[in-house]
Amino acid sequence: NTWTHIFYPSDPLWDGQGCGSIETACCNVPGIPWFHRD
């Protein structure tokens, strides 16, 4: 809910896991964590 000037090692980005209360749509994207361009 808040942030400060630190490194956040406990929650990796772009893996679709550990999303906050307002990020449900961000973590439920089809294909995540893999991206694909055809």
PDB file of all heavy atoms in Angstrom:
ATOM      1  N   ASN A   1       0.803  -1.209   0.000  1.00  0.00           N
ATOM      2  CA  ASN A   1       0.000   0.000   0.000  1.00  0.00           C
ATOM      3  C   ASN A   1       0.843   1.270   0.000  1.00  0.00           C
ATOM      4  O   ASN A   1       0.387   2.331  -0.428  1.00  0.00           O
ATOM      5  CB  ASN A   1      -0.936   0.024   1.220  1.00  0.00           C
ATOM      6  CG  ASN A   1      -1.973  -1.075   1.144  1.00  0.00           C
ATOM      7  OD1 ASN A   1      -2.250  -1.620   0.078  1.00  0.00           O
ATOM      8  ND2 ASN A   1      -2.551  -1.421   2.284  1.00  0.00           N
ATOM      9  N   THR A   2       2.041   1.165   0.510  1.00  0.00           N
ATOM     10  CA  THR A   2       2.935   2.322   0.556  1.00  0.00           C
ATOM     11  C   THR A   2       4.290   1.928   0.003  1.00  0.00           C
ATOM     12  O   THR A   2       4.571   0.746  -0.214  1.00  0.00           O
ATOM     13  CB  THR A   2       3.099   2.835   1.999  1.00  0.00           C
ATOM     14  OG1 THR A   2       3.671   1.791   2.805  1.00  0.00           O
ATOM     15  CG2 THR A   2       1.751   3.245   2.579  1.00  0.00           C
ATOM     16  N   TRP A   3       5.137   2.892  -0.211  1.00  0.00           N
ATOM     17  CA  TRP A   3       6.471   2.620  -0.727  1.00  0.00           C
ATOM     18  C   TRP A   3       7.483   3.525  -0.025  1.00  0.00           C
ATOM     19  O   TRP A   3       7.118   4.544   0.567  1.00  0.00           O
ATOM     20  CB  TRP A   3       6.537   2.867  -2.235  1.00  0.00           C
ATOM     21  CG  TRP A   3       6.319   4.316  -2.610  1.00  0.00           C
ATOM     22  CD1 TRP A   3       5.127   4.926  -2.859  1.00  0.00           C
ATOM     23  CD2 TRP A   3       7.333   5.319  -2.721  1.00  0.00           C
ATOM     24  NE1 TRP A   3       5.317   6.257  -3.132  1.00  0.00           N
ATOM     25  CE2 TRP A   3       6.667   6.529  -3.056  1.00  0.00           C
ATOM     26  CE3 TRP A   3       8.708   5.324  -2.578  1.00  0.00           C
ATOM     27  CZ2 TRP A   3       7.354   7.734  -3.236  1.00  0.00           C
ATOM     28  CZ3 TRP A   3       9.402   6.517  -2.764  1.00  0.00           C
ATOM     29  CH2 TRP A   3       8.722   7.704  -3.091  1.00  0.00           C
ATOM     30  N   THR A   4       8.737   3.134  -0.104  1.00  0.00           N
ATOM     31  CA  THR A   4       9.818   3.968   0.376  1.00  0.00           C
ATOM     32  C   THR A   4      11.031   3.727  -0.504  1.00  0.00           C
ATOM     33  O   THR A   4      10.981   2.916  -1.432  1.00  0.00           O
ATOM     34  CB  THR A   4      10.142   3.663   1.849  1.00  0.00           C
ATOM     35  OG1 THR A   4      11.096   4.612   2.335  1.00  0.00           O
ATOM     36  CG2 THR A   4      10.701   2.249   1.993  1.00  0.00           C
ATOM     37  N   HIS A   5      12.119   4.411  -0.260  1.00  0.00           N
ATOM     38  CA  HIS A   5      13.303   4.314  -1.117  1.00  0.00           C
ATOM     39  C   HIS A   5      14.150   3.101  -0.747  1.00  0.00           C
ATOM     40  O   HIS A   5      15.279   3.219  -0.246  1.00  0.00           O
ATOM     41  CB  HIS A   5      14.133   5.594  -1.033  1.00  0.00           C
ATOM     42  CG  HIS A   5      13.530   6.742  -1.781  1.00  0.00           C
ATOM     43  ND1 HIS A   5      12.540   7.534  -1.251  1.00  0.00           N
ATOM     44  CD2 HIS A   5      13.756   7.192  -3.038  1.00  0.00           C
ATOM     45  CE1 HIS A   5      12.197   8.450  -2.140  1.00  0.00           C
ATOM     46  NE2 HIS A   5      12.908   8.264  -3.229  1.00  0.00           N
ATOM     47  N   ILE A   6      13.599   1.924  -1.015  1.00  0.00           N
ATOM     48  CA  ILE A   6      14.319   0.682  -0.750  1.00  0.00           C
ATOM     49  C   ILE A   6      14.154  -0.254  -1.931  1.00  0.00           C
ATOM     50  O   ILE A   6      13.353  -0.034  -2.835  1.00  0.00           O
ATOM     51  CB  ILE A   6      13.821  -0.015   0.531  1.00  0.00           C
ATOM     52  CG1 ILE A   6      12.349  -0.428   0.365  1.00  0.00           C
ATOM     53  CG2 ILE A   6      14.015   0.871   1.755  1.00  0.00           C
ATOM     54  CD1 ILE A   6      11.834  -1.312   1.492  1.00  0.00           C
ATOM     55  N   PHE A   7      14.929  -1.326  -1.902  1.00  0.00           N
ATOM     56  CA  PHE A   7      14.831  -2.417  -2.871  1.00  0.00           C
ATOM     57  C   PHE A   7      13.850  -3.436  -2.317  1.00  0.00           C
ATOM     58  O   PHE A   7      13.908  -3.801  -1.149  1.00  0.00           O
ATOM     59  CB  PHE A   7      16.218  -3.033  -3.080  1.00  0.00           C
ATOM     60  CG  PHE A   7      16.271  -4.152  -4.079  1.00  0.00           C
ATOM     61  CD1 PHE A   7      16.239  -3.892  -5.437  1.00  0.00           C
ATOM     62  CD2 PHE A   7      16.386  -5.469  -3.663  1.00  0.00           C
ATOM     63  CE1 PHE A   7      16.305  -4.919  -6.364  1.00  0.00           C
ATOM     64  CE2 PHE A   7      16.462  -6.502  -4.580  1.00  0.00           C
ATOM     65  CZ  PHE A   7      16.422  -6.218  -5.936  1.00  0.00           C
ATOM     66  N   TYR A   8      12.914  -3.906  -3.165  1.00  0.00           N
ATOM     67  CA  TYR A   8      11.880  -4.838  -2.728  1.00  0.00           C
ATOM     68  C   TYR A   8      12.170  -6.236  -3.276  1.00  0.00           C
ATOM     69  O   TYR A   8      11.714  -6.601  -4.367  1.00  0.00           O
ATOM     70  CB  TYR A   8      10.511  -4.367  -3.220  1.00  0.00           C
ATOM     71  CG  TYR A   8      10.005  -3.120  -2.537  1.00  0.00           C
ATOM     72  CD1 TYR A   8      10.355  -1.853  -3.001  1.00  0.00           C
ATOM     73  CD2 TYR A   8       9.181  -3.207  -1.416  1.00  0.00           C
ATOM     74  CE1 TYR A   8       9.894  -0.707  -2.371  1.00  0.00           C
ATOM     75  CE2 TYR A   8       8.706  -2.068  -0.776  1.00  0.00           C
ATOM     76  CZ  TYR A   8       9.072  -0.817  -1.265  1.00  0.00           C
ATOM     77  OH  TYR A   8       8.614   0.315  -0.630  1.00  0.00           O
ATOM     78  N   PRO A   9      12.909  -7.067  -2.498  1.00  0.00           N
ATOM     79  CA  PRO A   9      13.301  -8.389  -3.025  1.00  0.00           C
ATOM     80  C   PRO A   9      12.260  -9.485  -2.828  1.00  0.00           C
ATOM     81  O   PRO A   9      12.414 -10.577  -3.371  1.00  0.00           O
ATOM     82  CB  PRO A   9      14.550  -8.710  -2.203  1.00  0.00           C
ATOM     83  CG  PRO A   9      14.292  -8.037  -0.884  1.00  0.00           C
ATOM     84  CD  PRO A   9      13.525  -6.789  -1.197  1.00  0.00           C
ATOM     85  N   SER A  10      11.200  -9.224  -2.076  1.00  0.00           N
ATOM     86  CA  SER A  10      10.270 -10.300  -1.715  1.00  0.00           C
ATOM     87  C   SER A  10       9.173 -10.537  -2.741  1.00  0.00           C
ATOM     88  O   SER A  10       8.510 -11.582  -2.701  1.00  0.00           O
ATOM     89  CB  SER A  10       9.632  -9.995  -0.352  1.00  0.00           C
ATOM     90  OG  SER A  10       8.882  -8.786  -0.406  1.00  0.00           O
ATOM     91  N   ASP A  11       8.949  -9.597  -3.661  1.00  0.00           N
ATOM     92  CA  ASP A  11       7.860  -9.756  -4.631  1.00  0.00           C
ATOM     93  C   ASP A  11       8.379  -9.503  -6.043  1.00  0.00           C
ATOM     94  O   ASP A  11       8.432  -8.362  -6.502  1.00  0.00           O
ATOM     95  CB  ASP A  11       6.724  -8.788  -4.319  1.00  0.00           C
ATOM     96  CG  ASP A  11       5.525  -8.981  -5.238  1.00  0.00           C
ATOM     97  OD1 ASP A  11       5.500  -9.978  -5.986  1.00  0.00           O
ATOM     98  OD2 ASP A  11       4.618  -8.121  -5.224  1.00  0.00           O
ATOM     99  N   PRO A  12       8.760 -10.551  -6.765  1.00  0.00           N
ATOM    100  CA  PRO A  12       9.249 -10.377  -8.139  1.00  0.00           C
ATOM    101  C   PRO A  12       8.170  -9.762  -9.032  1.00  0.00           C
ATOM    102  O   PRO A  12       6.975 -10.007  -8.851  1.00  0.00           O
ATOM    103  CB  PRO A  12       9.576 -11.811  -8.584  1.00  0.00           C
ATOM    104  CG  PRO A  12       9.725 -12.580  -7.321  1.00  0.00           C
ATOM    105  CD  PRO A  12       8.790 -11.957  -6.342  1.00  0.00           C
ATOM    106  N   LEU A  13       8.607  -8.991  -9.995  1.00  0.00           N
ATOM    107  CA  LEU A  13       7.696  -8.349 -10.938  1.00  0.00           C
ATOM    108  C   LEU A  13       7.428  -9.249 -12.144  1.00  0.00           C
ATOM    109  O   LEU A  13       8.271 -10.047 -12.535  1.00  0.00           O
ATOM    110  CB  LEU A  13       8.291  -7.033 -11.423  1.00  0.00           C
ATOM    111  CG  LEU A  13       8.616  -5.978 -10.365  1.00  0.00           C
ATOM    112  CD1 LEU A  13       9.329  -4.788 -11.012  1.00  0.00           C
ATOM    113  CD2 LEU A  13       7.362  -5.520  -9.643  1.00  0.00           C
ATOM    114  N   TRP A  14       6.241  -9.087 -12.724  1.00  0.00           N
ATOM    115  CA  TRP A  14       5.853  -9.668 -14.013  1.00  0.00           C
ATOM    116  C   TRP A  14       5.737 -11.190 -13.999  1.00  0.00           C
ATOM    117  O   TRP A  14       5.873 -11.833 -15.021  1.00  0.00           O
ATOM    118  CB  TRP A  14       6.797  -9.209 -15.123  1.00  0.00           C
ATOM    119  CG  TRP A  14       7.099  -7.753 -15.016  1.00  0.00           C
ATOM    120  CD1 TRP A  14       6.194  -6.732 -14.906  1.00  0.00           C
ATOM    121  CD2 TRP A  14       8.387  -7.140 -14.964  1.00  0.00           C
ATOM    122  NE1 TRP A  14       6.836  -5.520 -14.794  1.00  0.00           N
ATOM    123  CE2 TRP A  14       8.193  -5.737 -14.833  1.00  0.00           C
ATOM    124  CE3 TRP A  14       9.683  -7.630 -15.048  1.00  0.00           C
ATOM    125  CZ2 TRP A  14       9.251  -4.837 -14.764  1.00  0.00           C
ATOM    126  CZ3 TRP A  14      10.741  -6.752 -14.978  1.00  0.00           C
ATOM    127  CH2 TRP A  14      10.519  -5.365 -14.835  1.00  0.00           C
ATOM    128  N   ASP A  15       5.481 -11.728 -12.793  1.00  0.00           N
ATOM    129  CA  ASP A  15       5.266 -13.176 -12.705  1.00  0.00           C
ATOM    130  C   ASP A  15       3.799 -13.521 -12.464  1.00  0.00           C
ATOM    131  O   ASP A  15       3.435 -14.695 -12.369  1.00  0.00           O
ATOM    132  CB  ASP A  15       6.125 -13.786 -11.596  1.00  0.00           C
ATOM    133  CG  ASP A  15       5.797 -13.225 -10.205  1.00  0.00           C
ATOM    134  OD1 ASP A  15       5.001 -12.267 -10.117  1.00  0.00           O
ATOM    135  OD2 ASP A  15       6.356 -13.745  -9.212  1.00  0.00           O
ATOM    136  N   GLY A  16       2.934 -12.498 -12.351  1.00  0.00           N
ATOM    137  CA  GLY A  16       1.525 -12.744 -12.121  1.00  0.00           C
ATOM    138  C   GLY A  16       1.198 -13.219 -10.725  1.00  0.00           C
ATOM    139  O   GLY A  16       0.096 -13.701 -10.470  1.00  0.00           O
ATOM    140  N   GLN A  17       2.158 -13.071  -9.792  1.00  0.00           N
ATOM    141  CA  GLN A  17       1.980 -13.544  -8.419  1.00  0.00           C
ATOM    142  C   GLN A  17       2.157 -12.373  -7.442  1.00  0.00           C
ATOM    143  O   GLN A  17       2.854 -11.410  -7.722  1.00  0.00           O
ATOM    144  CB  GLN A  17       3.001 -14.639  -8.094  1.00  0.00           C
ATOM    145  CG  GLN A  17       2.988 -15.818  -9.046  1.00  0.00           C
ATOM    146  CD  GLN A  17       1.701 -16.593  -8.978  1.00  0.00           C
ATOM    147  OE1 GLN A  17       1.145 -16.825  -7.901  1.00  0.00           O
ATOM    148  NE2 GLN A  17       1.188 -17.016 -10.126  1.00  0.00           N
ATOM    149  N   GLY A  18       1.532 -12.509  -6.289  1.00  0.00           N
ATOM    150  CA  GLY A  18       1.730 -11.541  -5.223  1.00  0.00           C
ATOM    151  C   GLY A  18       1.206 -10.154  -5.528  1.00  0.00           C
ATOM    152  O   GLY A  18       1.731  -9.165  -5.004  1.00  0.00           O
ATOM    153  N   CYS A  19       0.176 -10.060  -6.356  1.00  0.00           N
ATOM    154  CA  CYS A  19      -0.344  -8.742  -6.715  1.00  0.00           C
ATOM    155  C   CYS A  19      -1.160  -8.151  -5.573  1.00  0.00           C
ATOM    156  O   CYS A  19      -1.802  -8.866  -4.800  1.00  0.00           O
ATOM    157  CB  CYS A  19      -1.214  -8.848  -7.961  1.00  0.00           C
ATOM    158  SG  CYS A  19      -0.255  -9.092  -9.466  1.00  0.00           S
ATOM    159  N   GLY A  20      -1.136  -6.812  -5.485  1.00  0.00           N
ATOM    160  CA  GLY A  20      -1.882  -6.117  -4.460  1.00  0.00           C
ATOM    161  C   GLY A  20      -3.368  -6.072  -4.750  1.00  0.00           C
ATOM    162  O   GLY A  20      -3.845  -6.574  -5.778  1.00  0.00           O
ATOM    163  N   SER A  21      -4.090  -5.431  -3.858  1.00  0.00           N
ATOM    164  CA  SER A  21      -5.551  -5.444  -3.915  1.00  0.00           C
ATOM    165  C   SER A  21      -6.118  -4.780  -5.159  1.00  0.00           C
ATOM    166  O   SER A  21      -7.232  -5.096  -5.580  1.00  0.00           O
ATOM    167  CB  SER A  21      -6.115  -4.757  -2.671  1.00  0.00           C
ATOM    168  OG  SER A  21      -5.630  -3.409  -2.567  1.00  0.00           O
ATOM    169  N   ILE A  22      -5.384  -3.857  -5.763  1.00  0.00           N
ATOM    170  CA  ILE A  22      -5.911  -3.173  -6.946  1.00  0.00           C
ATOM    171  C   ILE A  22      -5.296  -3.697  -8.246  1.00  0.00           C
ATOM    172  O   ILE A  22      -5.548  -3.159  -9.315  1.00  0.00           O
ATOM    173  CB  ILE A  22      -5.677  -1.646  -6.854  1.00  0.00           C
ATOM    174  CG1 ILE A  22      -4.170  -1.337  -6.855  1.00  0.00           C
ATOM    175  CG2 ILE A  22      -6.361  -1.061  -5.640  1.00  0.00           C
ATOM    176  CD1 ILE A  22      -3.853   0.148  -6.952  1.00  0.00           C
ATOM    177  N   GLU A  23      -4.477  -4.776  -8.140  1.00  0.00           N
ATOM    178  CA  GLU A  23      -3.751  -5.274  -9.314  1.00  0.00           C
ATOM    179  C   GLU A  23      -4.287  -6.589  -9.855  1.00  0.00           C
ATOM    180  O   GLU A  23      -3.606  -7.250 -10.640  1.00  0.00           O
ATOM    181  CB  GLU A  23      -2.266  -5.441  -8.979  1.00  0.00           C
ATOM    182  CG  GLU A  23      -1.521  -4.144  -8.771  1.00  0.00           C
ATOM    183  CD  GLU A  23      -0.033  -4.375  -8.589  1.00  0.00           C
ATOM    184  OE1 GLU A  23       0.342  -5.259  -7.790  1.00  0.00           O
ATOM    185  OE2 GLU A  23       0.754  -3.674  -9.251  1.00  0.00           O
ATOM    186  N   THR A  24      -5.476  -6.970  -9.482  1.00  0.00           N
ATOM    187  CA  THR A  24      -6.026  -8.257  -9.916  1.00  0.00           C
ATOM    188  C   THR A  24      -5.999  -8.395 -11.433  1.00  0.00           C
ATOM    189  O   THR A  24      -5.593  -9.433 -11.979  1.00  0.00           O
ATOM    190  CB  THR A  24      -7.463  -8.429  -9.409  1.00  0.00           C
ATOM    191  OG1 THR A  24      -7.463  -8.371  -7.979  1.00  0.00           O
ATOM    192  CG2 THR A  24      -8.034  -9.763  -9.860  1.00  0.00           C
ATOM    193  N   ALA A  25      -6.418  -7.347 -12.120  1.00  0.00           N
ATOM    194  CA  ALA A  25      -6.449  -7.408 -13.582  1.00  0.00           C
ATOM    195  C   ALA A  25      -5.049  -7.525 -14.171  1.00  0.00           C
ATOM    196  O   ALA A  25      -4.853  -8.140 -15.228  1.00  0.00           O
ATOM    197  CB  ALA A  25      -7.141  -6.166 -14.133  1.00  0.00           C
ATOM    198  N   CYS A  26      -4.064  -6.962 -13.492  1.00  0.00           N
ATOM    199  CA  CYS A  26      -2.678  -7.022 -13.977  1.00  0.00           C
ATOM    200  C   CYS A  26      -2.117  -8.436 -13.897  1.00  0.00           C
ATOM    201  O   CYS A  26      -1.292  -8.831 -14.731  1.00  0.00           O
ATOM    202  CB  CYS A  26      -1.792  -6.081 -13.161  1.00  0.00           C
ATOM    203  SG  CYS A  26      -2.274  -4.339 -13.199  1.00  0.00           S
ATOM    204  N   CYS A  27      -2.553  -9.191 -12.899  1.00  0.00           N
ATOM    205  CA  CYS A  27      -2.007 -10.531 -12.678  1.00  0.00           C
ATOM    206  C   CYS A  27      -2.798 -11.625 -13.377  1.00  0.00           C
ATOM    207  O   CYS A  27      -2.338 -12.763 -13.443  1.00  0.00           O
ATOM    208  CB  CYS A  27      -1.952 -10.827 -11.187  1.00  0.00           C
ATOM    209  SG  CYS A  27      -0.599  -9.978 -10.341  1.00  0.00           S
ATOM    210  N   ASN A  28      -3.974 -11.288 -13.890  1.00  0.00           N
ATOM    211  CA  ASN A  28      -4.814 -12.291 -14.554  1.00  0.00           C
ATOM    212  C   ASN A  28      -4.752 -12.183 -16.067  1.00  0.00           C
ATOM    213  O   ASN A  28      -5.680 -12.600 -16.759  1.00  0.00           O
ATOM    214  CB  ASN A  28      -6.264 -12.148 -14.076  1.00  0.00           C
ATOM    215  CG  ASN A  28      -6.439 -12.594 -12.635  1.00  0.00           C
ATOM    216  OD1 ASN A  28      -5.618 -13.330 -12.104  1.00  0.00           O
ATOM    217  ND2 ASN A  28      -7.496 -12.137 -12.000  1.00  0.00           N
ATOM    218  N   VAL A  29      -3.654 -11.657 -16.575  1.00  0.00           N
ATOM    219  CA  VAL A  29      -3.499 -11.510 -18.018  1.00  0.00           C
ATOM    220  C   VAL A  29      -3.130 -12.870 -18.624  1.00  0.00           C
ATOM    221  O   VAL A  29      -2.234 -13.555 -18.118  1.00  0.00           O
ATOM    222  CB  VAL A  29      -2.400 -10.482 -18.347  1.00  0.00           C
ATOM    223  CG1 VAL A  29      -2.256 -10.308 -19.852  1.00  0.00           C
ATOM    224  CG2 VAL A  29      -2.713  -9.150 -17.693  1.00  0.00           C
ATOM    225  N   PRO A  30      -3.796 -13.303 -19.697  1.00  0.00           N
ATOM    226  CA  PRO A  30      -3.446 -14.582 -20.333  1.00  0.00           C
ATOM    227  C   PRO A  30      -1.978 -14.623 -20.749  1.00  0.00           C
ATOM    228  O   PRO A  30      -1.442 -13.652 -21.285  1.00  0.00           O
ATOM    229  CB  PRO A  30      -4.366 -14.623 -21.563  1.00  0.00           C
ATOM    230  CG  PRO A  30      -5.518 -13.740 -21.205  1.00  0.00           C
ATOM    231  CD  PRO A  30      -4.943 -12.645 -20.358  1.00  0.00           C
ATOM    232  N   GLY A  31      -1.337 -15.760 -20.464  1.00  0.00           N
ATOM    233  CA  GLY A  31       0.047 -15.953 -20.887  1.00  0.00           C
ATOM    234  C   GLY A  31       1.086 -15.588 -19.867  1.00  0.00           C
ATOM    235  O   GLY A  31       2.219 -16.090 -19.931  1.00  0.00           O
ATOM    236  N   ILE A  32       0.780 -14.672 -18.941  1.00  0.00           N
ATOM    237  CA  ILE A  32       1.783 -14.227 -17.977  1.00  0.00           C
ATOM    238  C   ILE A  32       2.335 -15.420 -17.197  1.00  0.00           C
ATOM    239  O   ILE A  32       1.564 -16.314 -16.841  1.00  0.00           O
ATOM    240  CB  ILE A  32       1.163 -13.164 -17.034  1.00  0.00           C
ATOM    241  CG1 ILE A  32       2.261 -12.385 -16.299  1.00  0.00           C
ATOM    242  CG2 ILE A  32       0.180 -13.765 -16.049  1.00  0.00           C
ATOM    243  CD1 ILE A  32       1.731 -11.139 -15.570  1.00  0.00           C
ATOM    244  N   PRO A  33       3.628 -15.574 -16.983  1.00  0.00           N
ATOM    245  CA  PRO A  33       4.699 -14.579 -17.151  1.00  0.00           C
ATOM    246  C   PRO A  33       5.323 -14.529 -18.551  1.00  0.00           C
ATOM    247  O   PRO A  33       6.241 -13.756 -18.774  1.00  0.00           O
ATOM    248  CB  PRO A  33       5.739 -15.043 -16.142  1.00  0.00           C
ATOM    249  CG  PRO A  33       5.623 -16.529 -16.156  1.00  0.00           C
ATOM    250  CD  PRO A  33       4.136 -16.789 -16.295  1.00  0.00           C
ATOM    251  N   TRP A  34       4.848 -15.380 -19.469  1.00  0.00           N
ATOM    252  CA  TRP A  34       5.424 -15.398 -20.818  1.00  0.00           C
ATOM    253  C   TRP A  34       4.765 -14.336 -21.689  1.00  0.00           C
ATOM    254  O   TRP A  34       3.547 -14.186 -21.691  1.00  0.00           O
ATOM    255  CB  TRP A  34       5.230 -16.771 -21.456  1.00  0.00           C
ATOM    256  CG  TRP A  34       6.027 -17.854 -20.791  1.00  0.00           C
ATOM    257  CD1 TRP A  34       5.611 -18.666 -19.777  1.00  0.00           C
ATOM    258  CD2 TRP A  34       7.360 -18.240 -21.092  1.00  0.00           C
ATOM    259  NE1 TRP A  34       6.616 -19.541 -19.424  1.00  0.00           N
ATOM    260  CE2 TRP A  34       7.703 -19.298 -20.215  1.00  0.00           C
ATOM    261  CE3 TRP A  34       8.311 -17.800 -22.019  1.00  0.00           C
ATOM    262  CZ2 TRP A  34       8.945 -19.921 -20.234  1.00  0.00           C
ATOM    263  CZ3 TRP A  34       9.548 -18.431 -22.041  1.00  0.00           C
ATOM    264  CH2 TRP A  34       9.856 -19.466 -21.157  1.00  0.00           C
ATOM    265  N   PHE A  35       5.577 -13.604 -22.427  1.00  0.00           N
ATOM    266  CA  PHE A  35       5.039 -12.704 -23.443  1.00  0.00           C
ATOM    267  C   PHE A  35       5.262 -13.322 -24.814  1.00  0.00           C
ATOM    268  O   PHE A  35       6.191 -14.106 -25.014  1.00  0.00           O
ATOM    269  CB  PHE A  35       5.683 -11.309 -23.365  1.00  0.00           C
ATOM    270  CG  PHE A  35       7.169 -11.281 -23.608  1.00  0.00           C
ATOM    271  CD1 PHE A  35       7.678 -11.223 -24.904  1.00  0.00           C
ATOM    272  CD2 PHE A  35       8.065 -11.283 -22.546  1.00  0.00           C
ATOM    273  CE1 PHE A  35       9.052 -11.194 -25.134  1.00  0.00           C
ATOM    274  CE2 PHE A  35       9.442 -11.245 -22.771  1.00  0.00           C
ATOM    275  CZ  PHE A  35       9.927 -11.196 -24.068  1.00  0.00           C
ATOM    276  N   HIS A  36       4.415 -12.952 -25.775  1.00  0.00           N
ATOM    277  CA  HIS A  36       4.450 -13.593 -27.082  1.00  0.00           C
ATOM    278  C   HIS A  36       4.062 -12.598 -28.156  1.00  0.00           C
ATOM    279  O   HIS A  36       3.037 -11.928 -28.054  1.00  0.00           O
ATOM    280  CB  HIS A  36       3.492 -14.782 -27.106  1.00  0.00           C
ATOM    281  CG  HIS A  36       3.486 -15.550 -28.379  1.00  0.00           C
ATOM    282  ND1 HIS A  36       2.328 -16.121 -28.914  1.00  0.00           N
ATOM    283  CD2 HIS A  36       4.486 -15.869 -29.251  1.00  0.00           C
ATOM    284  CE1 HIS A  36       2.628 -16.756 -30.029  1.00  0.00           C
ATOM    285  NE2 HIS A  36       3.934 -16.612 -30.265  1.00  0.00           N
ATOM    286  N   ARG A  37       4.891 -12.485 -29.190  1.00  0.00           N
ATOM    287  CA  ARG A  37       4.546 -11.711 -30.378  1.00  0.00           C
ATOM    288  C   ARG A  37       4.633 -12.622 -31.590  1.00  0.00           C
ATOM    289  O   ARG A  37       5.647 -13.294 -31.805  1.00  0.00           O
ATOM    290  CB  ARG A  37       5.503 -10.527 -30.568  1.00  0.00           C
ATOM    291  CG  ARG A  37       5.358  -9.420 -29.533  1.00  0.00           C
ATOM    292  CD  ARG A  37       3.984  -8.770 -29.525  1.00  0.00           C
ATOM    293  NE  ARG A  37       3.589  -8.243 -30.827  1.00  0.00           N
ATOM    294  CZ  ARG A  37       3.888  -7.018 -31.253  1.00  0.00           C
ATOM    295  NH1 ARG A  37       4.603  -6.193 -30.506  1.00  0.00           N
ATOM    296  NH2 ARG A  37       3.461  -6.602 -32.435  1.00  0.00           N
ATOM    297  N   ASP A  38       3.561 -12.653 -32.366  1.00  0.00           N
ATOM    298  CA  ASP A  38       3.499 -13.471 -33.567  1.00  0.00           C
ATOM    299  C   ASP A  38       3.291 -12.536 -34.757  1.00  0.00           C
ATOM    300  O   ASP A  38       2.265 -11.857 -34.842  1.00  0.00           O
ATOM    301  CB  ASP A  38       2.347 -14.470 -33.462  1.00  0.00           C
ATOM    302  CG  ASP A  38       2.343 -15.483 -34.611  1.00  0.00           C
ATOM    303  OD1 ASP A  38       2.999 -15.227 -35.639  1.00  0.00           O
ATOM    304  OD2 ASP A  38       1.664 -16.519 -34.472  1.00  0.00           O
TER     305      ASP A  38
END
